[in-house]
């Protein structure tokens, strides 16, 4: 495995290296939920990542405590990042998980630095921070607590129901800073879900998360992603999904058509050939121009979803837009929290 490009000895300065090659511990756990998964525990040097200027993302900073994801979504654009470590972008991405075990303490130190200006921090934008591994490593409570102590705005995107474990921490954070939560639900079709997102909670369970967050005063948007051409884009499928999202109390719905970047494209195409071989040629034509579906198709899906959202009374707010719970009195000063890394 190639860790060298991420450590100081490879010629990168200490403040920009992610971790040292001598700081990697590999573990497996003989438990049903972790069977077949290998964890590479690393001690990160930095966890605040600056988004490249050419990115389409509407934020500048991210925190990703994990690399690789047991959700095993066949379309995941982050698969290519596993190749940077000479790890397989197919099954290796699903089963070889890098865990930054010291992420909370490093984040707390970076947030307290005079060089940090309190910019918005996005989480779950590369791989899911509430994937299965979080149930064991429990990194997110320390991360949320560090952001709360510094009243630093943040957002979380997830397919994981484990976020409800940290509901009290999120409510506490939303009293002192802007917190945005989005849950990803692209479709409801159970057969499609079981094959294309085999490691995720069922779509209905994710909508339960939206409902529970709303009941505790945290508005939650839904990223309707991905809309999969010819498999989840029929008008009645879109209507069923948007109605369920509205019934769950989502503050917004934002559609995103499947995009197939290198790494994900090859893995998705292999899946398509196995499960829906009659669609392979149609996909070759649709994505002949690159990673994204044609603009006309994206606009059509966006228009249909937005029309359905208006019909079902979902507001125009952007999915997961950061907001704050407004308390009746002065916001309580957060108390220090003892970190638990393992």
Foldseek 3Di string as FASTA:
>chain_A
DAPLVQAVVVPDDLQRRFFHPVFWDKDADPDPLQPLAIEIETATSAFWDADDPPDPDPFGTEGEQKFAALLQQLQQPLLVVCVVRVAASHVRSNHYMYGNLCRLVRLLVVLPDPVDDQGEYEYCPRHAPQGPVCVPQVPVVSNLLSCQLSLRHYEYEHLAPCVVVCLVSVQLSLARHWYFYEYEAQFQPPVCCCQRRVRGPHSLSSLLSQLVSVVSPHAFAYENPACEPPPQQDLVRLLVVLLSNVVSPHQYYHYHYRFHAPSSNVSVLVSCCVPPVVCNVVVCVQQVPHRDGDPVVVVVSRVSNVVSCVVSPRDPDDGRGIHHDHDPDRRDNDDDDDDDRD
